[in-house]
Amino acid sequence: MNHIYTDLAVESREIYSKGKDIEVEGVAVKVEEQENYTITLVEVLNDEGSKKIGKPIGKYITLHSPNLDNADEDLKDEMSLVLGKEFKGLIKDYKADKVLIIGLGNWDISSDSLGPKVIERVLVTRQYFINFNKEFDESMANVAAVSPGVMGTTGIETFDIVKGIVEKIKPDIVIAVDALSSRKMDRISTTIQLSNIGINPGSGIGNKRKGLTEKTLGVPVFAIGIPTVVNAATMVNDTMDLIIDSMKQTEGVGREFYNLLDDLSKEDKYSLIDEVLSPFMGNVIVTPKDIDVIIEDLSIIIANGLNIAVHPGIDLKDVNRYIR
């Protein structure tokens, strides 16, 4: 499992259970299906569950909408409201008068620019609290936001930048927004993950960076992300599944071969494809061709949802009027 990169807890559980709908000890799952979207709560309850699916103890909420990557205005508004409601529920037990929002990623690379794009649209208010010497407001939270870039362009580790800001402005909570990696093509740009355990930038594609967590920063850290990339082996694996499903219906010798492939577990088949591709393609990352447009739309949904969640007096009408 270690070589199959994914940032999604729901996929980590699927990997452990090998795609079967079975209980995983130490992991609780709750699914709510609506007309346009599905909400899945994966809660890692203890060390046993954490060890089995490879995710820290905490809550992971997945919002999946098949049309999210090509959403009309109504679906954007609906998903903004859903995200706002779910995120508000995630932070309800925490003091959140002072909020720091971090847009992780590289603004020069489309598939990695989700974080910076969201920062452009969040409602920043800290300057007003400073100018008017206010500690609290009933309708607005004290929000600061920054996109620290990546070490390749700044020469500074993201963690060091964020840690310095946290020590200076002392927020109650930190919210990190980042592009993620998935192991399923149909989850690219159609899934939003919320969590209360922080984030490890680049972990989904195998990069090692110091995590932004409550342990490392000293304040609660929440994360919001959308998968925008898969690796080449995932794409080939999904294509092979479609071919196998089609060819199993044919008659003759070939049918036995495709039935044999179908009997392989998903992880064994993935491992075989990864081994075959590695000498020729290495760890190639794939993203949709229209990712620029997709990121623009998704950043609106996340920013609107965040604005609704953290500001008590803000609703969808306000964000649509002033933020877009």
C-alpha atoms as a PDB file:
ATOM      1  CA  MET A   1       0.000   0.000   0.000  1.00  0.00           C
ATOM      2  CA  ASN A   2       2.866   2.388   0.711  1.00  0.00           C
ATOM      3  CA  HIS A   3       3.549   3.162  -2.965  1.00  0.00           C
ATOM      4  CA  ILE A   4      -0.073   4.024  -3.768  1.00  0.00           C
ATOM      5  CA  TYR A   5      -0.258   7.718  -3.077  1.00  0.00           C
ATOM      6  CA  THR A   6      -3.523   9.336  -2.026  1.00  0.00           C
ATOM      7  CA  ASP A   7      -4.510  12.201   0.250  1.00  0.00           C
ATOM      8  CA  LEU A   8      -8.090  10.981   0.672  1.00  0.00           C
ATOM      9  CA  ALA A   9      -9.011   9.060   3.833  1.00  0.00           C
ATOM     10  CA  VAL A  10     -11.950   7.446   2.044  1.00  0.00           C
ATOM     11  CA  GLU A  11      -9.502   5.945  -0.469  1.00  0.00           C
ATOM     12  CA  SER A  12      -7.080   4.825   2.231  1.00  0.00           C
ATOM     13  CA  ARG A  13      -9.947   2.888   3.795  1.00  0.00           C
ATOM     14  CA  GLU A  14     -10.843   1.394   0.399  1.00  0.00           C
ATOM     15  CA  ILE A  15      -7.240   0.272  -0.084  1.00  0.00           C
ATOM     16  CA  TYR A  16      -7.200  -1.491   3.282  1.00  0.00           C
ATOM     17  CA  SER A  17     -10.592  -3.152   2.762  1.00  0.00           C
ATOM     18  CA  LYS A  18      -9.670  -3.974  -0.870  1.00  0.00           C
ATOM     19  CA  GLY A  19     -12.789  -2.307  -2.205  1.00  0.00           C
ATOM     20  CA  LYS A  20     -15.188  -4.417  -0.120  1.00  0.00           C
ATOM     21  CA  ASP A  21     -17.862  -2.896   2.088  1.00  0.00           C
ATOM     22  CA  ILE A  22     -16.476  -4.254   5.347  1.00  0.00           C
ATOM     23  CA  GLU A  23     -15.905  -2.783   8.783  1.00  0.00           C
ATOM     24  CA  VAL A  24     -12.362  -1.663   9.604  1.00  0.00           C
ATOM     25  CA  GLU A  25     -11.540  -1.907  13.281  1.00  0.00           C
ATOM     26  CA  GLY A  26     -10.890   1.534  14.733  1.00  0.00           C
ATOM     27  CA  VAL A  27     -12.563   3.322  11.791  1.00  0.00           C
ATOM     28  CA  ALA A  28     -16.187   4.521  11.696  1.00  0.00           C
ATOM     29  CA  VAL A  29     -17.898   5.400   8.417  1.00  0.00           C
ATOM     30  CA  LYS A  30     -21.151   7.260   7.833  1.00  0.00           C
ATOM     31  CA  VAL A  31     -22.589   7.978   4.377  1.00  0.00           C
ATOM     32  CA  GLU A  32     -25.318  10.501   3.503  1.00  0.00           C
ATOM     33  CA  GLU A  33     -26.589  10.529  -0.086  1.00  0.00           C
ATOM     34  CA  GLN A  34     -28.342  13.523  -1.603  1.00  0.00           C
ATOM     35  CA  GLU A  35     -29.536  14.205  -5.141  1.00  0.00           C
ATOM     36  CA  ASN A  36     -26.427  16.076  -6.324  1.00  0.00           C
ATOM     37  CA  TYR A  37     -23.790  14.946  -3.849  1.00  0.00           C
ATOM     38  CA  THR A  38     -22.713  12.356  -1.291  1.00  0.00           C
ATOM     39  CA  ILE A  39     -21.200  13.124   2.119  1.00  0.00           C
ATOM     40  CA  THR A  40     -18.928  10.477   3.630  1.00  0.00           C
ATOM     41  CA  LEU A  41     -17.573  10.816   7.155  1.00  0.00           C
ATOM     42  CA  VAL A  42     -14.530   8.654   7.888  1.00  0.00           C
ATOM     43  CA  GLU A  43     -13.568   8.914  11.546  1.00  0.00           C
ATOM     44  CA  VAL A  44     -10.311   7.324  12.681  1.00  0.00           C
ATOM     45  CA  LEU A  45     -11.060   6.487  16.301  1.00  0.00           C
ATOM     46  CA  ASN A  46      -7.826   5.094  17.717  1.00  0.00           C
ATOM     47  CA  ASP A  47      -4.246   4.017  17.014  1.00  0.00           C
ATOM     48  CA  GLU A  48      -5.431   0.686  15.592  1.00  0.00           C
ATOM     49  CA  GLY A  49      -7.562   2.413  12.977  1.00  0.00           C
ATOM     50  CA  SER A  50      -4.775   4.903  12.243  1.00  0.00           C
ATOM     51  CA  LYS A  51      -2.293   2.110  11.630  1.00  0.00           C
ATOM     52  CA  LYS A  52      -4.644   0.182   9.365  1.00  0.00           C
ATOM     53  CA  ILE A  53      -5.553   2.961   6.930  1.00  0.00           C
ATOM     54  CA  GLY A  54      -2.438   5.096   7.370  1.00  0.00           C
ATOM     55  CA  LYS A  55      -4.222   8.269   8.485  1.00  0.00           C
ATOM     56  CA  PRO A  56      -3.950  10.147  11.832  1.00  0.00           C
ATOM     57  CA  ILE A  57      -6.743   9.948  14.390  1.00  0.00           C
ATOM     58  CA  GLY A  58      -9.443  12.471  13.509  1.00  0.00           C
ATOM     59  CA  LYS A  59     -12.407  13.266  11.277  1.00  0.00           C
ATOM     60  CA  TYR A  60     -12.326  13.281   7.471  1.00  0.00           C
ATOM     61  CA  ILE A  61     -15.414  14.532   5.625  1.00  0.00           C
ATOM     62  CA  THR A  62     -15.633  13.871   1.892  1.00  0.00           C
ATOM     63  CA  LEU A  63     -18.099  15.750  -0.323  1.00  0.00           C
ATOM     64  CA  HIS A  64     -18.432  14.078  -3.713  1.00  0.00           C
ATOM     65  CA  SER A  65     -20.445  15.517  -6.596  1.00  0.00           C
ATOM     66  CA  PRO A  66     -19.983  13.895 -10.049  1.00  0.00           C
ATOM     67  CA  ASN A  67     -20.627  17.202 -11.846  1.00  0.00           C
ATOM     68  CA  LEU A  68     -18.467  19.369  -9.614  1.00  0.00           C
ATOM     69  CA  ASP A  69     -15.785  19.738 -12.323  1.00  0.00           C
ATOM     70  CA  ASN A  70     -18.384  21.203 -14.689  1.00  0.00           C
ATOM     71  CA  ALA A  71     -20.746  22.853 -12.250  1.00  0.00           C
ATOM     72  CA  ASP A  72     -23.379  25.408 -13.206  1.00  0.00           C
ATOM     73  CA  GLU A  73     -24.106  28.368 -10.931  1.00  0.00           C
ATOM     74  CA  ASP A  74     -26.826  26.519  -9.016  1.00  0.00           C
ATOM     75  CA  LEU A  75     -24.542  23.585  -8.204  1.00  0.00           C
ATOM     76  CA  LYS A  76     -21.718  25.951  -7.203  1.00  0.00           C
ATOM     77  CA  ASP A  77     -24.056  27.708  -4.780  1.00  0.00           C
ATOM     78  CA  GLU A  78     -25.379  24.414  -3.424  1.00  0.00           C
ATOM     79  CA  MET A  79     -21.914  22.980  -2.843  1.00  0.00           C
ATOM     80  CA  SER A  80     -20.737  26.246  -1.245  1.00  0.00           C
ATOM     81  CA  LEU A  81     -23.583  25.996   1.247  1.00  0.00           C
ATOM     82  CA  VAL A  82     -22.909  22.312   1.921  1.00  0.00           C
ATOM     83  CA  LEU A  83     -19.205  22.941   2.417  1.00  0.00           C
ATOM     84  CA  GLY A  84     -19.937  25.880   4.720  1.00  0.00           C
ATOM     85  CA  LYS A  85     -22.336  23.815   6.828  1.00  0.00           C
ATOM     86  CA  GLU A  86     -20.001  20.814   7.114  1.00  0.00           C
ATOM     87  CA  PHE A  87     -16.953  22.926   7.895  1.00  0.00           C
ATOM     88  CA  LYS A  88     -18.858  24.960  10.471  1.00  0.00           C
ATOM     89  CA  GLY A  89     -19.787  21.669  12.139  1.00  0.00           C
ATOM     90  CA  LEU A  90     -16.152  20.574  12.070  1.00  0.00           C
ATOM     91  CA  ILE A  91     -14.916  23.681  13.923  1.00  0.00           C
ATOM     92  CA  LYS A  92     -17.920  24.200  16.233  1.00  0.00           C
ATOM     93  CA  ASP A  93     -16.105  22.863  19.318  1.00  0.00           C
ATOM     94  CA  TYR A  94     -13.140  25.202  18.830  1.00  0.00           C
ATOM     95  CA  LYS A  95     -12.681  28.881  19.540  1.00  0.00           C
ATOM     96  CA  ALA A  96     -12.443  30.541  16.128  1.00  0.00           C
ATOM     97  CA  ASP A  97     -12.552  34.306  16.692  1.00  0.00           C
ATOM     98  CA  LYS A  98      -9.118  34.730  15.080  1.00  0.00           C
ATOM     99  CA  VAL A  99      -8.527  32.649  11.958  1.00  0.00           C
ATOM    100  CA  LEU A 100      -5.473  32.217   9.736  1.00  0.00           C
ATOM    101  CA  ILE A 101      -6.152  30.743   6.279  1.00  0.00           C
ATOM    102  CA  ILE A 102      -3.153  29.316   4.409  1.00  0.00           C
ATOM    103  CA  GLY A 103      -3.326  28.780   0.632  1.00  0.00           C
ATOM    104  CA  LEU A 104      -0.774  26.053  -0.040  1.00  0.00           C
ATOM    105  CA  GLY A 105       0.641  25.327  -3.476  1.00  0.00           C
ATOM    106  CA  ASN A 106       2.394  26.842  -6.459  1.00  0.00           C
ATOM    107  CA  TRP A 107       0.477  29.670  -8.141  1.00  0.00           C
ATOM    108  CA  ASP A 108       2.523  29.124 -11.356  1.00  0.00           C
ATOM    109  CA  ILE A 109       1.288  25.527 -11.850  1.00  0.00           C
ATOM    110  CA  SER A 110      -2.420  25.228 -12.620  1.00  0.00           C
ATOM    111  CA  SER A 111      -3.024  21.870 -10.936  1.00  0.00           C
ATOM    112  CA  ASP A 112      -1.285  23.105  -7.767  1.00  0.00           C
ATOM    113  CA  SER A 113      -2.783  26.591  -7.636  1.00  0.00           C
ATOM    114  CA  LEU A 114      -6.011  25.866  -5.762  1.00  0.00           C
ATOM    115  CA  GLY A 115      -4.728  27.234  -2.449  1.00  0.00           C
ATOM    116  CA  PRO A 116      -3.481  30.570  -3.837  1.00  0.00           C
ATOM    117  CA  LYS A 117      -6.689  31.005  -5.879  1.00  0.00           C
ATOM    118  CA  VAL A 118      -8.832  30.512  -2.779  1.00  0.00           C
ATOM    119  CA  ILE A 119      -6.797  33.120  -0.887  1.00  0.00           C
ATOM    120  CA  GLU A 120      -7.686  35.663  -3.572  1.00  0.00           C
ATOM    121  CA  ARG A 121     -11.378  35.226  -2.712  1.00  0.00           C
ATOM    122  CA  VAL A 122     -11.580  34.777   1.051  1.00  0.00           C
ATOM    123  CA  LEU A 123     -12.905  37.705   3.059  1.00  0.00           C
ATOM    124  CA  VAL A 124      -9.897  39.087   4.983  1.00  0.00           C
ATOM    125  CA  THR A 125     -10.810  41.293   7.962  1.00  0.00           C
ATOM    126  CA  ARG A 126      -7.826  41.420  10.334  1.00  0.00           C
ATOM    127  CA  GLN A 127      -6.853  44.917   9.146  1.00  0.00           C
ATOM    128  CA  TYR A 128     -10.220  46.311  10.289  1.00  0.00           C
ATOM    129  CA  PHE A 129      -9.868  44.778  13.742  1.00  0.00           C
ATOM    130  CA  ILE A 130      -6.431  46.420  14.033  1.00  0.00           C
ATOM    131  CA  ASN A 131      -7.519  49.801  12.677  1.00  0.00           C
ATOM    132  CA  PHE A 132     -10.581  50.016  14.924  1.00  0.00           C
ATOM    133  CA  ASN A 133      -8.858  48.351  17.891  1.00  0.00           C
ATOM    134  CA  LYS A 134     -11.503  45.633  18.106  1.00  0.00           C
ATOM    135  CA  GLU A 135     -11.140  42.258  19.800  1.00  0.00           C
ATOM    136  CA  PHE A 136     -14.472  40.795  18.759  1.00  0.00           C
ATOM    137  CA  ASP A 137     -17.308  41.344  16.290  1.00  0.00           C
ATOM    138  CA  GLU A 138     -20.662  39.547  16.222  1.00  0.00           C
ATOM    139  CA  SER A 139     -20.868  39.338  12.432  1.00  0.00           C
ATOM    140  CA  MET A 140     -17.216  39.004  11.396  1.00  0.00           C
ATOM    141  CA  ALA A 141     -14.325  36.815  12.458  1.00  0.00           C
ATOM    142  CA  ASN A 142     -10.804  38.237  12.585  1.00  0.00           C
ATOM    143  CA  VAL A 143      -9.418  36.599   9.438  1.00  0.00           C
ATOM    144  CA  ALA A 144      -5.916  36.794   7.989  1.00  0.00           C
ATOM    145  CA  ALA A 145      -4.905  34.931   4.833  1.00  0.00           C
ATOM    146  CA  VAL A 146      -1.636  34.226   3.050  1.00  0.00           C
ATOM    147  CA  SER A 147      -0.259  32.092   0.243  1.00  0.00           C
ATOM    148  CA  PRO A 148       3.336  31.266   1.224  1.00  0.00           C
ATOM    149  CA  GLY A 149       4.333  29.688  -2.105  1.00  0.00           C
ATOM    150  CA  VAL A 150       6.598  26.649  -2.378  1.00  0.00           C
ATOM    151  CA  MET A 151      10.235  26.152  -1.514  1.00  0.00           C
ATOM    152  CA  GLY A 152      11.148  25.930  -5.211  1.00  0.00           C
ATOM    153  CA  THR A 153      10.179  29.578  -5.715  1.00  0.00           C
ATOM    154  CA  THR A 154      10.764  31.094  -2.263  1.00  0.00           C
ATOM    155  CA  GLY A 155      13.742  29.106  -0.977  1.00  0.00           C
ATOM    156  CA  ILE A 156      11.938  28.798   2.356  1.00  0.00           C
ATOM    157  CA  GLU A 157      10.097  25.785   3.735  1.00  0.00           C
ATOM    158  CA  THR A 158       6.352  26.398   3.873  1.00  0.00           C
ATOM    159  CA  PHE A 159       6.275  25.245   7.487  1.00  0.00           C
ATOM    160  CA  ASP A 160       8.838  27.857   8.540  1.00  0.00           C
ATOM    161  CA  ILE A 161       6.793  30.666   6.967  1.00  0.00           C
ATOM    162  CA  VAL A 162       3.528  29.486   8.515  1.00  0.00           C
ATOM    163  CA  LYS A 163       5.124  28.882  11.917  1.00  0.00           C
ATOM    164  CA  GLY A 164       6.508  32.449  11.959  1.00  0.00           C
ATOM    165  CA  ILE A 165       3.106  33.925  11.081  1.00  0.00           C
ATOM    166  CA  VAL A 166       1.333  31.838  13.738  1.00  0.00           C
ATOM    167  CA  GLU A 167       3.805  32.977  16.400  1.00  0.00           C
ATOM    168  CA  LYS A 168       3.324  36.607  15.350  1.00  0.00           C
ATOM    169  CA  ILE A 169      -0.461  36.930  15.032  1.00  0.00           C
ATOM    170  CA  LYS A 170      -1.514  34.075  17.373  1.00  0.00           C
ATOM    171  CA  PRO A 171      -4.666  32.769  15.643  1.00  0.00           C
ATOM    172  CA  ASP A 172      -7.180  30.539  17.418  1.00  0.00           C
ATOM    173  CA  ILE A 173      -7.202  28.122  14.471  1.00  0.00           C
ATOM    174  CA  VAL A 174      -5.369  27.621  11.181  1.00  0.00           C
ATOM    175  CA  ILE A 175      -7.124  26.484   7.999  1.00  0.00           C
ATOM    176  CA  ALA A 176      -4.935  25.074   5.224  1.00  0.00           C
ATOM    177  CA  VAL A 177      -6.239  24.795   1.652  1.00  0.00           C
ATOM    178  CA  ASP A 178      -4.361  22.615  -0.826  1.00  0.00           C
ATOM    179  CA  ALA A 179      -4.624  20.594  -4.034  1.00  0.00           C
ATOM    180  CA  LEU A 180      -4.598  16.872  -3.320  1.00  0.00           C
ATOM    181  CA  SER A 181      -3.831  13.605  -5.066  1.00  0.00           C
ATOM    182  CA  SER A 182      -6.307  10.792  -5.708  1.00  0.00           C
ATOM    183  CA  ARG A 183      -5.992   7.197  -6.872  1.00  0.00           C
ATOM    184  CA  LYS A 184      -9.263   7.254  -8.820  1.00  0.00           C
ATOM    185  CA  MET A 185      -9.906   9.213 -11.993  1.00  0.00           C
ATOM    186  CA  ASP A 186     -13.560   9.846 -11.165  1.00  0.00           C
ATOM    187  CA  ARG A 187     -12.618  11.690  -7.981  1.00  0.00           C
ATOM    188  CA  ILE A 188     -10.400  14.246  -9.734  1.00  0.00           C
ATOM    189  CA  SER A 189     -11.958  17.706  -9.312  1.00  0.00           C
ATOM    190  CA  THR A 190     -15.232  16.175  -8.094  1.00  0.00           C
ATOM    191  CA  THR A 191     -14.353  15.559  -4.434  1.00  0.00           C
ATOM    192  CA  ILE A 192     -13.719  17.917  -1.522  1.00  0.00           C
ATOM    193  CA  GLN A 193     -12.104  16.634   1.680  1.00  0.00           C
ATOM    194  CA  LEU A 194     -12.351  18.421   5.015  1.00  0.00           C
ATOM    195  CA  SER A 195     -10.394  17.290   8.069  1.00  0.00           C
ATOM    196  CA  ASN A 196      -9.476  18.390  11.582  1.00  0.00           C
ATOM    197  CA  ILE A 197      -5.988  16.863  11.671  1.00  0.00           C
ATOM    198  CA  GLY A 198      -3.981  19.348   9.589  1.00  0.00           C
ATOM    199  CA  ILE A 199      -2.077  18.526   6.443  1.00  0.00           C
ATOM    200  CA  ASN A 200       1.255  17.278   5.128  1.00  0.00           C
ATOM    201  CA  PRO A 201       1.955  19.275   1.928  1.00  0.00           C
ATOM    202  CA  GLY A 202       2.924  17.049  -1.022  1.00  0.00           C
ATOM    203  CA  SER A 203       2.264  13.740   0.756  1.00  0.00           C
ATOM    204  CA  GLY A 204      -0.167  12.572  -1.910  1.00  0.00           C
ATOM    205  CA  ILE A 205       2.543  12.551  -4.583  1.00  0.00           C
ATOM    206  CA  GLY A 206       5.307  11.209  -2.348  1.00  0.00           C
ATOM    207  CA  ASN A 207       6.985  14.469  -1.326  1.00  0.00           C
ATOM    208  CA  LYS A 208       8.230  14.758   2.250  1.00  0.00           C
ATOM    209  CA  ARG A 209       7.453  18.094   3.904  1.00  0.00           C
ATOM    210  CA  LYS A 210       6.959  18.988   7.547  1.00  0.00           C
ATOM    211  CA  GLY A 211       3.278  18.828   8.411  1.00  0.00           C
ATOM    212  CA  LEU A 212       1.050  21.704   9.444  1.00  0.00           C
ATOM    213  CA  THR A 213      -0.615  20.179  12.511  1.00  0.00           C
ATOM    214  CA  GLU A 214      -1.643  21.170  16.010  1.00  0.00           C
ATOM    215  CA  LYS A 215       1.467  19.416  17.305  1.00  0.00           C
ATOM    216  CA  THR A 216       3.864  21.376  15.078  1.00  0.00           C
ATOM    217  CA  LEU A 217       2.111  24.775  15.121  1.00  0.00           C
ATOM    218  CA  GLY A 218       0.642  24.804  18.612  1.00  0.00           C
ATOM    219  CA  VAL A 219      -2.923  25.620  17.475  1.00  0.00           C
ATOM    220  CA  PRO A 220      -5.701  23.465  15.961  1.00  0.00           C
ATOM    221  CA  VAL A 221      -5.212  23.022  12.205  1.00  0.00           C
ATOM    222  CA  PHE A 222      -8.000  22.165   9.759  1.00  0.00           C
ATOM    223  CA  ALA A 223      -7.574  21.250   6.105  1.00  0.00           C
ATOM    224  CA  ILE A 224      -9.631  21.582   2.943  1.00  0.00           C
ATOM    225  CA  GLY A 225      -8.499  20.026  -0.305  1.00  0.00           C
ATOM    226  CA  ILE A 226      -9.599  18.834  -3.729  1.00  0.00           C
ATOM    227  CA  PRO A 227      -7.736  16.140  -5.708  1.00  0.00           C
ATOM    228  CA  THR A 228      -6.474  17.600  -8.986  1.00  0.00           C
ATOM    229  CA  VAL A 229      -3.955  14.931 -10.064  1.00  0.00           C
ATOM    230  CA  VAL A 230      -3.500  11.166 -10.352  1.00  0.00           C
ATOM    231  CA  ASN A 231      -0.425   9.226 -11.353  1.00  0.00           C
ATOM    232  CA  ALA A 232      -0.163   7.456 -14.712  1.00  0.00           C
ATOM    233  CA  ALA A 233      -0.598   3.986 -13.191  1.00  0.00           C
ATOM    234  CA  THR A 234      -4.003   4.995 -11.846  1.00  0.00           C
ATOM    235  CA  MET A 235      -5.155   6.186 -15.254  1.00  0.00           C
ATOM    236  CA  VAL A 236      -3.991   2.957 -16.961  1.00  0.00           C
ATOM    237  CA  ASN A 237      -5.579   0.875 -14.194  1.00  0.00           C
ATOM    238  CA  ASP A 238      -8.966   2.554 -14.646  1.00  0.00           C
ATOM    239  CA  THR A 239      -8.714   2.104 -18.436  1.00  0.00           C
ATOM    240  CA  MET A 240      -7.914  -1.590 -18.021  1.00  0.00           C
ATOM    241  CA  ASP A 241     -10.947  -2.049 -15.759  1.00  0.00           C
ATOM    242  CA  LEU A 242     -13.180  -0.681 -18.522  1.00  0.00           C
ATOM    243  CA  ILE A 243     -11.536  -2.953 -21.123  1.00  0.00           C
ATOM    244  CA  ILE A 244     -11.854  -6.019 -18.876  1.00  0.00           C
ATOM    245  CA  ASP A 245     -15.551  -5.330 -18.191  1.00  0.00           C
ATOM    246  CA  SER A 246     -16.168  -5.065 -21.920  1.00  0.00           C
ATOM    247  CA  MET A 247     -14.084  -8.060 -23.059  1.00  0.00           C
ATOM    248  CA  LYS A 248     -15.496 -10.413 -20.407  1.00  0.00           C
ATOM    249  CA  GLN A 249     -18.711 -10.348 -22.389  1.00  0.00           C
ATOM    250  CA  THR A 250     -17.047 -11.753 -25.525  1.00  0.00           C
ATOM    251  CA  GLU A 251     -16.830 -15.451 -26.426  1.00  0.00           C
ATOM    252  CA  GLY A 252     -13.659 -17.449 -27.065  1.00  0.00           C
ATOM    253  CA  VAL A 253     -10.198 -17.919 -25.563  1.00  0.00           C
ATOM    254  CA  GLY A 254      -9.737 -14.230 -24.845  1.00  0.00           C
ATOM    255  CA  ARG A 255     -12.636 -14.286 -22.424  1.00  0.00           C
ATOM    256  CA  GLU A 256     -10.781 -16.649 -20.067  1.00  0.00           C
ATOM    257  CA  PHE A 257      -7.775 -14.299 -20.070  1.00  0.00           C
ATOM    258  CA  TYR A 258      -9.871 -11.270 -19.148  1.00  0.00           C
ATOM    259  CA  ASN A 259     -11.695 -13.244 -16.461  1.00  0.00           C
ATOM    260  CA  LEU A 260      -8.282 -14.131 -15.037  1.00  0.00           C
ATOM    261  CA  LEU A 261      -7.306 -10.452 -14.933  1.00  0.00           C
ATOM    262  CA  ASP A 262     -10.617  -9.607 -13.308  1.00  0.00           C
ATOM    263  CA  ASP A 263      -9.920 -12.129 -10.539  1.00  0.00           C
ATOM    264  CA  LEU A 264      -6.816 -10.175  -9.490  1.00  0.00           C
ATOM    265  CA  SER A 265      -7.343  -7.868  -6.546  1.00  0.00           C
ATOM    266  CA  LYS A 266      -7.361  -4.159  -7.344  1.00  0.00           C
ATOM    267  CA  GLU A 267      -4.086  -3.679  -5.485  1.00  0.00           C
ATOM    268  CA  ASP A 268      -2.351  -6.604  -7.235  1.00  0.00           C
ATOM    269  CA  LYS A 269      -3.474  -5.272 -10.612  1.00  0.00           C
ATOM    270  CA  TYR A 270      -2.332  -1.759  -9.721  1.00  0.00           C
ATOM    271  CA  SER A 271       1.046  -3.050  -8.530  1.00  0.00           C
ATOM    272  CA  LEU A 272       1.522  -4.978 -11.783  1.00  0.00           C
ATOM    273  CA  ILE A 273       0.751  -1.895 -13.903  1.00  0.00           C
ATOM    274  CA  ASP A 274       3.001   0.308 -11.757  1.00  0.00           C
ATOM    275  CA  GLU A 275       5.878  -2.170 -12.109  1.00  0.00           C
ATOM    276  CA  VAL A 276       5.505  -2.353 -15.887  1.00  0.00           C
ATOM    277  CA  LEU A 277       5.256   1.441 -16.352  1.00  0.00           C
ATOM    278  CA  SER A 278       8.022   2.484 -13.948  1.00  0.00           C
ATOM    279  CA  PRO A 279      11.022   1.920 -16.284  1.00  0.00           C
ATOM    280  CA  PHE A 280       9.372   3.977 -19.036  1.00  0.00           C
ATOM    281  CA  MET A 281       7.315   6.673 -17.315  1.00  0.00           C
ATOM    282  CA  GLY A 282       8.496   6.877 -13.713  1.00  0.00           C
ATOM    283  CA  ASN A 283       6.076   8.636 -11.365  1.00  0.00           C
ATOM    284  CA  VAL A 284       4.181  10.640 -14.008  1.00  0.00           C
ATOM    285  CA  ILE A 285       1.395  12.853 -12.675  1.00  0.00           C
ATOM    286  CA  VAL A 286      -1.699  13.493 -14.819  1.00  0.00           C
ATOM    287  CA  THR A 287      -4.254  16.305 -14.586  1.00  0.00           C
ATOM    288  CA  PRO A 288      -7.304  17.302 -16.732  1.00  0.00           C
ATOM    289  CA  LYS A 289      -6.542  19.443 -19.805  1.00  0.00           C
ATOM    290  CA  ASP A 290      -9.008  22.163 -18.734  1.00  0.00           C
ATOM    291  CA  ILE A 291      -7.638  22.343 -15.194  1.00  0.00           C
ATOM    292  CA  ASP A 292      -7.283  26.161 -15.364  1.00  0.00           C
ATOM    293  CA  VAL A 293     -11.038  26.675 -15.709  1.00  0.00           C
ATOM    294  CA  ILE A 294     -11.800  23.935 -13.182  1.00  0.00           C
ATOM    295  CA  ILE A 295      -9.529  25.493 -10.543  1.00  0.00           C
ATOM    296  CA  GLU A 296     -11.204  28.883 -10.987  1.00  0.00           C
ATOM    297  CA  ASP A 297     -14.637  27.380 -10.348  1.00  0.00           C
ATOM    298  CA  LEU A 298     -13.516  25.179  -7.457  1.00  0.00           C
ATOM    299  CA  SER A 299     -11.725  28.070  -5.752  1.00  0.00           C
ATOM    300  CA  ILE A 300     -15.007  30.022  -5.762  1.00  0.00           C
ATOM    301  CA  ILE A 301     -16.835  27.122  -4.097  1.00  0.00           C
ATOM    302  CA  ILE A 302     -14.199  26.689  -1.388  1.00  0.00           C
ATOM    303  CA  ALA A 303     -13.784  30.420  -0.715  1.00  0.00           C
ATOM    304  CA  ASN A 304     -17.544  30.954  -0.497  1.00  0.00           C
ATOM    305  CA  GLY A 305     -17.933  27.957   1.805  1.00  0.00           C
ATOM    306  CA  LEU A 306     -15.131  29.195   4.043  1.00  0.00           C
ATOM    307  CA  ASN A 307     -16.527  32.715   4.193  1.00  0.00           C
ATOM    308  CA  ILE A 308     -19.922  31.343   5.243  1.00  0.00           C
ATOM    309  CA  ALA A 309     -18.367  29.001   7.825  1.00  0.00           C
ATOM    310  CA  VAL A 310     -16.003  31.386   9.636  1.00  0.00           C
ATOM    311  CA  HIS A 311     -17.974  34.655   9.511  1.00  0.00           C
ATOM    312  CA  PRO A 312     -21.161  34.481  11.651  1.00  0.00           C
ATOM    313  CA  GLY A 313     -22.932  37.263   9.753  1.00  0.00           C
ATOM    314  CA  ILE A 314     -22.070  36.199   6.190  1.00  0.00           C
ATOM    315  CA  ASP A 315     -24.418  34.203   3.951  1.00  0.00           C
ATOM    316  CA  LEU A 316     -24.348  33.100   0.315  1.00  0.00           C
ATOM    317  CA  LYS A 317     -26.035  36.287  -0.887  1.00  0.00           C
ATOM    318  CA  ASP A 318     -23.227  38.346   0.624  1.00  0.00           C
ATOM    319  CA  VAL A 319     -20.373  36.304  -0.851  1.00  0.00           C
ATOM    320  CA  ASN A 320     -21.950  36.207  -4.307  1.00  0.00           C
ATOM    321  CA  ARG A 321     -22.357  39.974  -4.249  1.00  0.00           C
ATOM    322  CA  TYR A 322     -19.014  41.085  -2.857  1.00  0.00           C
ATOM    323  CA  ILE A 323     -16.442  38.303  -3.189  1.00  0.00           C
ATOM    324  CA  ARG A 324     -16.597  36.949  -6.751  1.00  0.00           C
END
